[in-house]
N, C-alpha and C. Protein backbone atom coordinates (compact mmCIF):
# COMPACT_ATOMS: atom_id res chain seq x y z
N MET A 1 -12.12 -13.87 -76.02
CA MET A 1 -11.75 -15.26 -76.69
C MET A 1 -10.46 -14.97 -77.31
N LYS A 2 -10.45 -13.92 -78.34
CA LYS A 2 -9.34 -13.34 -79.13
C LYS A 2 -8.30 -12.88 -78.18
N ARG A 3 -8.63 -12.27 -76.94
CA ARG A 3 -7.60 -11.90 -76.05
C ARG A 3 -6.80 -13.17 -75.63
N ILE A 4 -7.48 -14.12 -75.31
CA ILE A 4 -6.90 -15.09 -74.59
C ILE A 4 -5.83 -15.76 -75.61
N ARG A 5 -6.33 -16.04 -76.78
CA ARG A 5 -5.20 -16.58 -77.83
C ARG A 5 -4.15 -15.82 -78.10
N VAL A 6 -4.27 -14.52 -78.25
CA VAL A 6 -3.20 -13.33 -78.26
C VAL A 6 -2.27 -13.47 -77.09
N VAL A 7 -2.81 -13.74 -76.09
CA VAL A 7 -2.04 -13.63 -74.73
C VAL A 7 -1.20 -15.02 -74.84
N ILE A 8 -1.83 -16.23 -75.06
CA ILE A 8 -1.20 -17.45 -75.26
C ILE A 8 -0.04 -17.33 -76.00
N ILE A 9 -0.48 -16.85 -77.27
CA ILE A 9 0.81 -16.92 -78.36
C ILE A 9 1.62 -16.07 -78.00
N ALA A 10 1.67 -14.90 -77.44
CA ALA A 10 2.58 -14.06 -76.79
C ALA A 10 3.46 -14.84 -75.81
N VAL A 11 2.92 -15.42 -74.73
CA VAL A 11 3.53 -15.89 -73.88
C VAL A 11 4.64 -17.03 -74.57
N ALA A 12 3.92 -18.05 -75.64
CA ALA A 12 4.63 -19.03 -76.08
C ALA A 12 5.82 -18.25 -76.94
N PHE A 13 5.80 -17.44 -77.35
CA PHE A 13 6.64 -16.66 -78.28
C PHE A 13 7.74 -16.00 -77.49
N PHE A 14 7.49 -15.47 -76.30
CA PHE A 14 8.40 -15.07 -75.24
C PHE A 14 9.42 -16.21 -74.73
N ILE A 15 8.36 -17.46 -74.27
CA ILE A 15 9.23 -18.39 -73.92
C ILE A 15 10.37 -19.01 -74.96
N GLY A 16 9.95 -19.22 -76.14
CA GLY A 16 10.70 -19.44 -77.22
C GLY A 16 11.74 -18.54 -77.46
N ILE A 17 11.70 -17.46 -77.49
CA ILE A 17 13.06 -16.47 -77.74
C ILE A 17 13.70 -16.45 -76.71
N THR A 18 13.30 -16.45 -75.31
CA THR A 18 14.10 -16.58 -74.25
C THR A 18 15.00 -17.67 -74.23
N SER A 19 14.44 -18.83 -74.55
CA SER A 19 15.09 -20.00 -74.68
C SER A 19 16.28 -19.88 -75.55
N VAL A 20 16.11 -19.30 -76.84
CA VAL A 20 17.12 -19.26 -77.86
C VAL A 20 18.07 -18.13 -77.35
N ILE A 21 17.84 -17.09 -76.86
CA ILE A 21 18.58 -16.12 -76.27
C ILE A 21 19.48 -16.61 -75.11
N LEU A 22 19.24 -17.14 -74.16
CA LEU A 22 19.91 -17.99 -72.98
C LEU A 22 20.73 -19.08 -73.54
N ALA A 23 20.27 -19.87 -74.80
CA ALA A 23 21.07 -20.83 -75.17
C ALA A 23 22.40 -20.31 -76.09
N ALA A 24 22.00 -19.15 -76.48
CA ALA A 24 23.23 -18.52 -77.42
C ALA A 24 24.16 -17.70 -76.82
N GLU A 25 23.89 -17.41 -75.36
CA GLU A 25 24.81 -16.42 -74.97
C GLU A 25 26.30 -16.81 -74.74
N HIS A 26 26.53 -18.00 -74.64
CA HIS A 26 27.98 -18.43 -75.08
C HIS A 26 28.25 -19.42 -75.95
N GLY A 27 27.25 -19.66 -76.76
CA GLY A 27 27.24 -20.72 -77.84
C GLY A 27 27.78 -22.09 -77.32
N GLY A 28 27.50 -22.50 -76.09
CA GLY A 28 27.99 -23.57 -75.77
C GLY A 28 29.34 -24.08 -75.23
N LYS A 29 30.17 -22.78 -75.56
CA LYS A 29 31.67 -23.23 -75.48
C LYS A 29 32.17 -22.84 -74.16
N GLU A 30 31.82 -21.95 -73.17
CA GLU A 30 32.18 -21.90 -71.94
C GLU A 30 31.87 -22.93 -70.94
N HIS A 31 30.49 -23.12 -71.06
CA HIS A 31 29.93 -24.30 -70.35
C HIS A 31 29.30 -25.28 -71.05
N GLY A 32 29.68 -26.29 -71.42
CA GLY A 32 28.91 -27.25 -72.37
C GLY A 32 27.87 -28.05 -71.64
N GLY A 33 28.30 -29.08 -71.04
CA GLY A 33 27.38 -29.84 -70.35
C GLY A 33 26.80 -31.05 -71.50
N THR A 34 26.64 -32.24 -70.86
CA THR A 34 25.88 -33.26 -71.86
C THR A 34 24.47 -32.82 -71.91
N THR A 35 23.67 -33.69 -72.89
CA THR A 35 22.27 -33.43 -73.03
C THR A 35 21.75 -33.80 -71.59
N THR A 36 21.89 -34.99 -70.98
CA THR A 36 21.57 -35.45 -69.63
C THR A 36 21.58 -34.41 -68.66
N GLU A 37 22.88 -33.98 -68.52
CA GLU A 37 23.05 -32.70 -67.45
C GLU A 37 22.13 -31.56 -67.71
N LYS A 38 21.88 -31.13 -68.96
CA LYS A 38 21.05 -30.22 -69.29
C LYS A 38 19.73 -30.52 -68.74
N LYS A 39 19.20 -31.70 -69.19
CA LYS A 39 17.76 -31.96 -68.79
C LYS A 39 17.74 -32.14 -67.35
N THR A 40 18.74 -32.50 -66.65
CA THR A 40 18.69 -32.39 -65.28
C THR A 40 18.68 -31.07 -64.48
N MET A 41 19.48 -30.20 -65.35
CA MET A 41 19.50 -28.85 -64.74
C MET A 41 18.25 -28.19 -65.01
N GLN A 42 17.39 -28.41 -66.33
CA GLN A 42 16.02 -27.87 -66.39
C GLN A 42 15.12 -28.24 -65.61
N THR A 43 15.07 -29.63 -65.05
CA THR A 43 14.22 -29.96 -64.12
C THR A 43 14.44 -29.27 -62.76
N SER A 44 15.56 -29.14 -62.36
CA SER A 44 16.25 -28.55 -61.15
C SER A 44 15.82 -27.16 -61.04
N MET A 45 15.87 -26.37 -62.23
CA MET A 45 15.70 -25.08 -62.37
C MET A 45 14.19 -24.59 -62.17
N LYS A 46 13.20 -25.39 -62.40
CA LYS A 46 11.92 -25.42 -62.10
C LYS A 46 11.71 -25.01 -60.61
N THR A 47 12.40 -25.38 -59.76
CA THR A 47 12.25 -25.09 -58.35
C THR A 47 13.03 -24.16 -57.87
N LEU A 48 14.12 -23.81 -58.65
CA LEU A 48 15.00 -22.61 -58.35
C LEU A 48 15.20 -21.96 -59.54
N LEU A 49 14.83 -20.65 -59.47
CA LEU A 49 14.74 -19.79 -60.69
C LEU A 49 16.05 -19.20 -61.12
N SER A 50 16.46 -19.22 -62.26
CA SER A 50 17.93 -18.47 -62.58
C SER A 50 17.89 -17.02 -62.07
N ALA A 51 16.88 -16.38 -62.02
CA ALA A 51 16.75 -14.95 -61.60
C ALA A 51 17.25 -14.89 -60.07
N ASP A 52 16.76 -16.07 -59.29
CA ASP A 52 17.15 -16.17 -57.77
C ASP A 52 18.75 -16.34 -57.70
N ILE A 53 19.32 -17.08 -58.53
CA ILE A 53 20.85 -17.45 -58.53
C ILE A 53 21.77 -16.16 -58.91
N ARG A 54 21.04 -15.60 -60.01
CA ARG A 54 21.80 -14.37 -60.36
C ARG A 54 21.72 -13.21 -59.34
N ALA A 55 20.50 -13.38 -58.63
CA ALA A 55 20.49 -12.25 -57.73
C ALA A 55 21.31 -12.45 -56.38
N ALA A 56 21.54 -13.74 -56.01
CA ALA A 56 22.47 -14.23 -54.97
C ALA A 56 24.04 -13.65 -55.51
N MET A 57 24.35 -13.75 -56.72
CA MET A 57 25.57 -13.47 -57.05
C MET A 57 25.73 -11.85 -56.94
N LYS A 58 24.70 -11.35 -57.45
CA LYS A 58 24.69 -9.46 -57.22
C LYS A 58 24.73 -9.20 -55.90
N ASP A 59 23.79 -10.00 -54.89
CA ASP A 59 23.89 -9.74 -53.51
C ASP A 59 25.45 -9.86 -52.99
N HIS A 60 26.09 -11.06 -53.35
CA HIS A 60 27.33 -11.27 -52.72
C HIS A 60 28.27 -10.35 -53.19
N VAL A 61 28.25 -9.74 -54.51
CA VAL A 61 29.38 -8.79 -54.88
C VAL A 61 28.91 -7.43 -54.21
N MET A 62 27.67 -7.11 -54.26
CA MET A 62 27.43 -5.72 -53.35
C MET A 62 27.63 -5.87 -51.93
N LYS A 63 27.58 -7.01 -51.38
CA LYS A 63 27.92 -7.08 -50.05
C LYS A 63 29.31 -7.08 -49.58
N GLU A 64 30.22 -7.58 -50.63
CA GLU A 64 31.54 -7.57 -50.65
C GLU A 64 32.19 -6.08 -50.85
N SER A 65 31.37 -5.52 -51.67
CA SER A 65 31.88 -4.22 -52.16
C SER A 65 31.43 -3.06 -51.08
N GLN A 66 30.80 -3.48 -50.11
CA GLN A 66 30.28 -2.42 -49.12
C GLN A 66 31.62 -2.34 -48.08
N LYS A 67 32.59 -3.04 -48.06
CA LYS A 67 33.61 -3.06 -47.30
C LYS A 67 34.68 -1.79 -47.78
N THR A 68 35.10 -1.95 -49.21
CA THR A 68 35.91 -0.89 -49.73
C THR A 68 35.42 -0.13 -50.77
N GLY A 69 34.18 -0.46 -51.19
CA GLY A 69 33.31 0.26 -52.19
C GLY A 69 33.94 -0.21 -53.63
N THR A 70 34.69 -1.45 -53.72
CA THR A 70 35.08 -2.26 -54.88
C THR A 70 35.08 -3.75 -54.59
N PHE A 71 34.76 -4.60 -55.49
CA PHE A 71 34.63 -5.93 -55.38
C PHE A 71 36.25 -6.63 -55.32
N ASP A 72 36.89 -6.87 -54.28
CA ASP A 72 38.29 -7.02 -54.25
C ASP A 72 38.44 -8.76 -54.11
N ILE A 73 39.27 -9.08 -55.24
CA ILE A 73 39.65 -10.50 -55.20
C ILE A 73 41.20 -10.37 -55.46
N THR A 74 41.74 -11.62 -54.97
CA THR A 74 43.29 -11.63 -55.31
C THR A 74 43.58 -12.53 -56.67
N ASP A 75 44.08 -11.92 -57.45
CA ASP A 75 44.62 -12.51 -58.59
C ASP A 75 45.67 -13.46 -58.65
N PRO A 76 45.10 -15.04 -58.58
CA PRO A 76 46.25 -16.11 -58.20
C PRO A 76 47.37 -16.13 -59.16
N GLU A 77 47.27 -15.40 -60.37
CA GLU A 77 48.46 -15.19 -61.23
C GLU A 77 49.43 -14.54 -60.78
N THR A 78 48.88 -13.34 -60.29
CA THR A 78 49.81 -11.99 -60.20
C THR A 78 50.10 -11.96 -58.36
N GLY A 79 49.02 -12.52 -57.77
CA GLY A 79 49.24 -12.39 -56.36
C GLY A 79 48.59 -10.79 -55.91
N LYS A 80 48.38 -10.30 -56.63
CA LYS A 80 47.75 -8.72 -56.50
C LYS A 80 46.30 -8.81 -56.34
N VAL A 81 45.96 -7.90 -55.50
CA VAL A 81 44.31 -7.51 -55.11
C VAL A 81 43.97 -6.75 -56.61
N ARG A 82 43.04 -7.19 -56.87
CA ARG A 82 42.08 -6.41 -57.85
C ARG A 82 41.11 -5.79 -57.32
N HIS A 83 40.74 -4.71 -57.79
CA HIS A 83 39.53 -3.66 -57.25
C HIS A 83 38.62 -3.70 -58.45
N LEU A 84 37.49 -4.49 -58.41
CA LEU A 84 36.66 -4.48 -59.40
C LEU A 84 35.21 -3.65 -59.26
N LYS A 85 34.65 -3.52 -60.36
CA LYS A 85 33.25 -2.90 -60.26
C LYS A 85 32.45 -3.89 -61.08
N LEU A 86 31.29 -4.38 -60.66
CA LEU A 86 30.30 -5.22 -61.51
C LEU A 86 29.64 -4.53 -62.49
N GLU A 87 29.77 -4.93 -63.77
CA GLU A 87 29.00 -4.52 -64.85
C GLU A 87 27.77 -5.32 -65.26
N ARG A 88 27.91 -6.59 -64.95
CA ARG A 88 26.68 -7.14 -65.39
C ARG A 88 26.86 -8.77 -65.06
N VAL A 89 25.62 -9.35 -64.58
CA VAL A 89 25.94 -10.90 -64.42
C VAL A 89 25.25 -11.56 -65.63
N HIS A 90 25.93 -12.52 -66.36
CA HIS A 90 25.46 -13.13 -67.52
C HIS A 90 24.00 -13.64 -67.33
N GLU A 91 23.22 -13.80 -68.27
CA GLU A 91 21.61 -14.55 -68.09
C GLU A 91 21.81 -15.88 -67.92
N ARG A 92 22.72 -16.47 -68.73
CA ARG A 92 22.86 -17.98 -68.61
C ARG A 92 23.27 -18.46 -67.24
N VAL A 93 22.52 -19.56 -66.72
CA VAL A 93 22.98 -20.07 -65.46
C VAL A 93 22.97 -21.52 -65.66
N GLY A 94 24.00 -22.15 -65.24
CA GLY A 94 23.95 -23.78 -65.63
C GLY A 94 24.36 -24.44 -64.10
N LYS A 95 24.26 -25.58 -64.03
CA LYS A 95 24.61 -26.34 -62.94
C LYS A 95 25.46 -27.71 -63.22
N THR A 96 26.56 -27.48 -62.41
CA THR A 96 27.66 -28.75 -62.21
C THR A 96 27.73 -29.24 -61.27
N GLY A 97 27.44 -30.45 -60.90
CA GLY A 97 27.69 -31.04 -59.49
C GLY A 97 26.59 -30.39 -58.50
N ASN A 98 26.80 -30.13 -57.68
CA ASN A 98 26.08 -29.55 -56.47
C ASN A 98 26.06 -27.93 -56.49
N TYR A 99 26.71 -27.30 -57.68
CA TYR A 99 26.41 -25.77 -57.68
C TYR A 99 26.11 -25.46 -59.09
N TYR A 100 25.24 -24.33 -58.81
CA TYR A 100 24.96 -23.26 -60.18
C TYR A 100 26.11 -22.58 -60.29
N TYR A 101 26.04 -21.96 -61.25
CA TYR A 101 26.93 -21.11 -61.80
C TYR A 101 26.56 -20.27 -63.01
N SER A 102 27.23 -18.93 -62.98
CA SER A 102 27.18 -17.99 -64.13
C SER A 102 28.45 -17.35 -64.03
N CYS A 103 28.55 -16.38 -65.25
CA CYS A 103 29.78 -15.72 -65.40
C CYS A 103 29.16 -14.17 -64.92
N ALA A 104 30.05 -13.49 -64.67
CA ALA A 104 29.84 -11.80 -64.60
C ALA A 104 30.64 -10.86 -65.00
N ASP A 105 30.53 -10.12 -65.73
CA ASP A 105 31.65 -8.94 -66.26
C ASP A 105 31.95 -8.04 -65.32
N PHE A 106 33.34 -7.52 -65.14
CA PHE A 106 33.62 -6.66 -64.23
C PHE A 106 34.57 -5.74 -64.75
N GLY A 107 34.92 -4.67 -64.42
CA GLY A 107 35.84 -3.79 -64.79
C GLY A 107 36.72 -3.49 -63.86
N ASP A 108 38.09 -3.51 -64.00
CA ASP A 108 39.29 -3.11 -63.00
C ASP A 108 39.34 -1.76 -62.76
N THR A 109 39.02 -1.15 -61.85
CA THR A 109 39.14 0.21 -61.37
C THR A 109 40.65 0.98 -61.21
N VAL A 110 41.46 -0.18 -61.35
CA VAL A 110 43.03 0.42 -61.22
C VAL A 110 43.42 0.38 -62.94
N SER A 111 43.32 -0.77 -63.39
CA SER A 111 44.05 -0.95 -64.52
C SER A 111 43.25 -0.73 -65.76
N GLY A 112 41.83 -0.73 -65.55
CA GLY A 112 40.93 -0.37 -66.61
C GLY A 112 40.54 -1.79 -67.34
N GLU A 113 41.42 -2.90 -67.05
CA GLU A 113 41.03 -4.25 -67.74
C GLU A 113 39.30 -4.81 -67.41
N LYS A 114 39.20 -5.59 -68.51
CA LYS A 114 37.87 -6.19 -68.36
C LYS A 114 37.96 -7.65 -67.94
N LEU A 115 37.26 -7.94 -66.83
CA LEU A 115 37.45 -9.24 -66.43
C LEU A 115 36.06 -10.18 -66.45
N ASP A 116 36.21 -11.49 -66.74
CA ASP A 116 35.05 -12.21 -66.65
C ASP A 116 35.26 -13.15 -65.59
N LEU A 117 34.35 -13.10 -64.76
CA LEU A 117 34.65 -14.24 -63.42
C LEU A 117 33.46 -15.05 -63.44
N ASP A 118 33.91 -16.23 -63.07
CA ASP A 118 32.81 -17.36 -62.96
C ASP A 118 32.66 -17.49 -61.40
N LEU A 119 31.12 -17.40 -61.08
CA LEU A 119 30.76 -17.69 -59.58
C LEU A 119 30.06 -19.07 -59.56
N ASP A 120 30.49 -19.57 -58.54
CA ASP A 120 29.45 -20.82 -57.96
C ASP A 120 28.77 -20.32 -56.94
N VAL A 121 27.32 -20.97 -57.13
CA VAL A 121 26.56 -20.69 -56.09
C VAL A 121 26.03 -22.02 -55.33
N GLN A 122 25.84 -22.17 -54.27
CA GLN A 122 25.59 -23.53 -53.36
C GLN A 122 24.06 -23.25 -53.01
N ASP A 123 23.13 -24.07 -53.18
CA ASP A 123 21.94 -24.07 -52.67
C ASP A 123 21.87 -25.01 -51.27
N LYS A 124 21.86 -24.28 -50.03
CA LYS A 124 21.88 -25.36 -48.97
C LYS A 124 20.50 -24.88 -48.25
N ASN A 125 19.65 -26.00 -48.08
CA ASN A 125 18.11 -25.80 -47.63
C ASN A 125 17.55 -24.54 -48.15
N GLY A 126 17.69 -24.31 -49.44
CA GLY A 126 17.01 -22.89 -49.93
C GLY A 126 17.83 -21.65 -49.74
N VAL A 127 18.71 -21.58 -48.98
CA VAL A 127 19.75 -20.69 -48.82
C VAL A 127 20.78 -20.57 -49.84
N LEU A 128 20.87 -19.57 -50.80
CA LEU A 128 21.72 -19.47 -51.52
C LEU A 128 23.08 -18.70 -51.25
N SER A 129 24.21 -19.04 -51.64
CA SER A 129 25.37 -18.56 -51.29
C SER A 129 26.51 -18.63 -52.03
N VAL A 130 27.24 -17.64 -52.59
CA VAL A 130 28.44 -17.85 -53.38
C VAL A 130 29.59 -18.61 -52.72
N VAL A 131 30.24 -19.66 -53.12
CA VAL A 131 31.29 -20.39 -52.60
C VAL A 131 32.41 -20.53 -53.28
N ASP A 132 32.55 -19.89 -54.60
CA ASP A 132 33.69 -19.88 -55.35
C ASP A 132 33.61 -18.62 -56.33
N VAL A 133 34.76 -17.89 -56.38
CA VAL A 133 34.84 -16.99 -57.74
C VAL A 133 36.15 -17.11 -58.28
N ARG A 134 36.30 -16.99 -59.60
CA ARG A 134 37.54 -17.52 -60.23
C ARG A 134 37.70 -16.50 -61.32
N ILE A 135 38.61 -16.05 -61.75
CA ILE A 135 39.14 -15.21 -63.06
C ILE A 135 39.12 -15.82 -64.08
N HIS A 136 38.16 -16.06 -65.14
CA HIS A 136 37.90 -16.92 -66.32
C HIS A 136 38.79 -16.05 -67.47
N LYS A 137 38.45 -14.98 -67.57
CA LYS A 137 39.18 -14.17 -68.63
C LYS A 137 39.45 -12.74 -68.20
N ILE A 138 40.59 -12.26 -69.00
CA ILE A 138 41.11 -10.85 -68.80
C ILE A 138 41.11 -10.23 -70.20
N ASN A 139 40.34 -9.19 -70.49
CA ASN A 139 40.35 -8.64 -71.61
C ASN A 139 40.09 -9.79 -72.76
N GLY A 140 39.21 -10.47 -72.52
CA GLY A 140 38.71 -11.62 -73.45
C GLY A 140 39.76 -12.62 -73.53
N LYS A 141 40.88 -12.72 -72.99
CA LYS A 141 41.76 -13.89 -72.86
C LYS A 141 41.50 -14.69 -72.12
N GLU A 142 41.22 -15.93 -72.31
CA GLU A 142 41.02 -17.12 -71.46
C GLU A 142 41.99 -17.71 -70.58
N ARG A 143 41.85 -17.58 -69.21
CA ARG A 143 42.88 -18.31 -68.36
C ARG A 143 42.67 -19.88 -68.41
N TYR A 144 41.56 -20.43 -68.76
CA TYR A 144 40.85 -21.79 -68.78
C TYR A 144 39.88 -21.88 -69.79
N THR A 145 39.35 -22.97 -69.90
CA THR A 145 38.16 -23.26 -70.98
C THR A 145 37.46 -24.29 -70.20
N TYR A 146 36.56 -24.84 -70.85
CA TYR A 146 35.50 -25.85 -70.39
C TYR A 146 35.28 -26.99 -71.46
N ASP A 147 35.13 -28.23 -71.13
CA ASP A 147 35.10 -29.46 -71.95
C ASP A 147 33.29 -29.38 -72.10
N GLU A 148 32.79 -30.56 -72.95
CA GLU A 148 31.42 -30.64 -72.99
C GLU A 148 30.65 -31.04 -71.49
N HIS A 149 31.54 -31.50 -70.68
CA HIS A 149 30.93 -31.86 -69.36
C HIS A 149 31.29 -30.80 -68.19
N ASP A 150 31.81 -29.57 -68.79
CA ASP A 150 31.89 -28.31 -67.66
C ASP A 150 33.11 -28.73 -66.71
N ASN A 151 33.85 -29.52 -67.32
CA ASN A 151 35.28 -29.46 -66.77
C ASN A 151 36.33 -28.55 -66.84
N ARG A 152 36.87 -27.65 -66.17
CA ARG A 152 37.74 -26.89 -66.36
C ARG A 152 38.99 -27.37 -67.12
N ILE A 153 39.65 -27.03 -68.14
CA ILE A 153 40.72 -27.53 -68.84
C ILE A 153 41.58 -26.44 -69.27
N PRO A 154 42.93 -26.57 -69.25
CA PRO A 154 44.08 -25.45 -69.77
C PRO A 154 43.63 -25.13 -71.23
N VAL A 155 44.03 -23.93 -71.41
CA VAL A 155 43.93 -23.41 -72.87
C VAL A 155 44.79 -24.17 -73.78
N PRO A 156 44.31 -24.52 -75.03
CA PRO A 156 45.46 -25.46 -75.92
C PRO A 156 46.65 -24.82 -75.79
N ALA A 157 47.82 -25.60 -75.98
CA ALA A 157 49.01 -25.27 -75.96
C ALA A 157 49.48 -24.10 -77.05
N LYS A 158 48.94 -24.15 -78.13
CA LYS A 158 49.24 -23.09 -79.02
C LYS A 158 48.72 -21.55 -78.73
N LYS A 159 47.90 -21.59 -77.85
CA LYS A 159 47.39 -20.37 -77.24
C LYS A 159 48.14 -20.18 -76.04
N MET A 160 48.87 -20.79 -75.53
CA MET A 160 49.34 -20.69 -74.13
C MET A 160 50.31 -19.13 -74.36
N GLU A 161 50.78 -18.91 -75.26
CA GLU A 161 51.73 -17.50 -75.44
C GLU A 161 50.75 -16.25 -74.86
N LYS A 162 49.41 -16.39 -75.19
CA LYS A 162 48.69 -15.45 -75.15
C LYS A 162 47.82 -15.41 -73.77
N HIS A 163 47.47 -16.95 -73.29
CA HIS A 163 46.74 -17.11 -72.27
C HIS A 163 47.34 -17.95 -71.21
N GLU A 164 47.08 -17.57 -70.00
CA GLU A 164 47.39 -18.38 -68.89
C GLU A 164 46.39 -19.39 -68.64
N HIS A 165 46.58 -20.34 -67.92
CA HIS A 165 45.43 -21.62 -67.48
C HIS A 165 45.29 -21.90 -66.04
N GLY A 166 44.25 -22.72 -66.03
CA GLY A 166 43.97 -23.32 -64.73
C GLY A 166 43.88 -24.84 -64.88
N GLY A 167 43.13 -25.53 -64.33
CA GLY A 167 43.18 -26.98 -64.78
C GLY A 167 42.13 -27.72 -63.66
N LYS A 168 41.22 -27.08 -63.08
CA LYS A 168 40.52 -27.87 -61.83
C LYS A 168 39.33 -27.90 -62.51
N GLU A 169 38.41 -28.95 -61.97
CA GLU A 169 36.98 -29.20 -62.28
C GLU A 169 36.09 -27.84 -61.98
N HIS A 170 35.34 -27.62 -63.04
CA HIS A 170 34.16 -26.52 -62.71
C HIS A 170 33.47 -26.70 -61.23
N GLY A 171 33.14 -25.79 -60.68
CA GLY A 171 32.27 -26.18 -59.41
C GLY A 171 33.04 -26.03 -58.13
N GLY A 172 34.28 -25.40 -58.25
CA GLY A 172 34.89 -25.05 -57.06
C GLY A 172 35.68 -26.16 -56.28
N LYS A 173 35.84 -27.20 -57.20
CA LYS A 173 36.66 -28.50 -56.66
C LYS A 173 37.95 -28.52 -56.60
């Protein structure tokens, strides 16, 4: 009987700590979302685990990396191909519109720069696939940010000297 109580307490503690860690990863800044959107995401996440979404992202990067040994993407700001190595996929997974998303950290094998990419994943009849990849940050400098509804917005004007910007809605639209 005591063992059952200990196990229940341990599971409750783990769930509580995990929620705090996942909520704090970005402090709500990068991908905000409204309370209603977050509740909807939590409900939909019951059927689709965050781990599955992160695994789909990793699988996509690994599959694309097989061709050249690096994850190659064209930088829309410079027009040059970047040769990247995956360092980690962030724990936090969100949902905007029809897409799940998370960020991933990469190292540029040529320049040595650190990039934060946003990856959008589509769930089509239970098959997860990456449908969009964008450069969000280079060496911590944002190219764009998000509002409380996860819409992509330009970096504020006073930061423009240091940051480039985008301007499309999150979710690959």
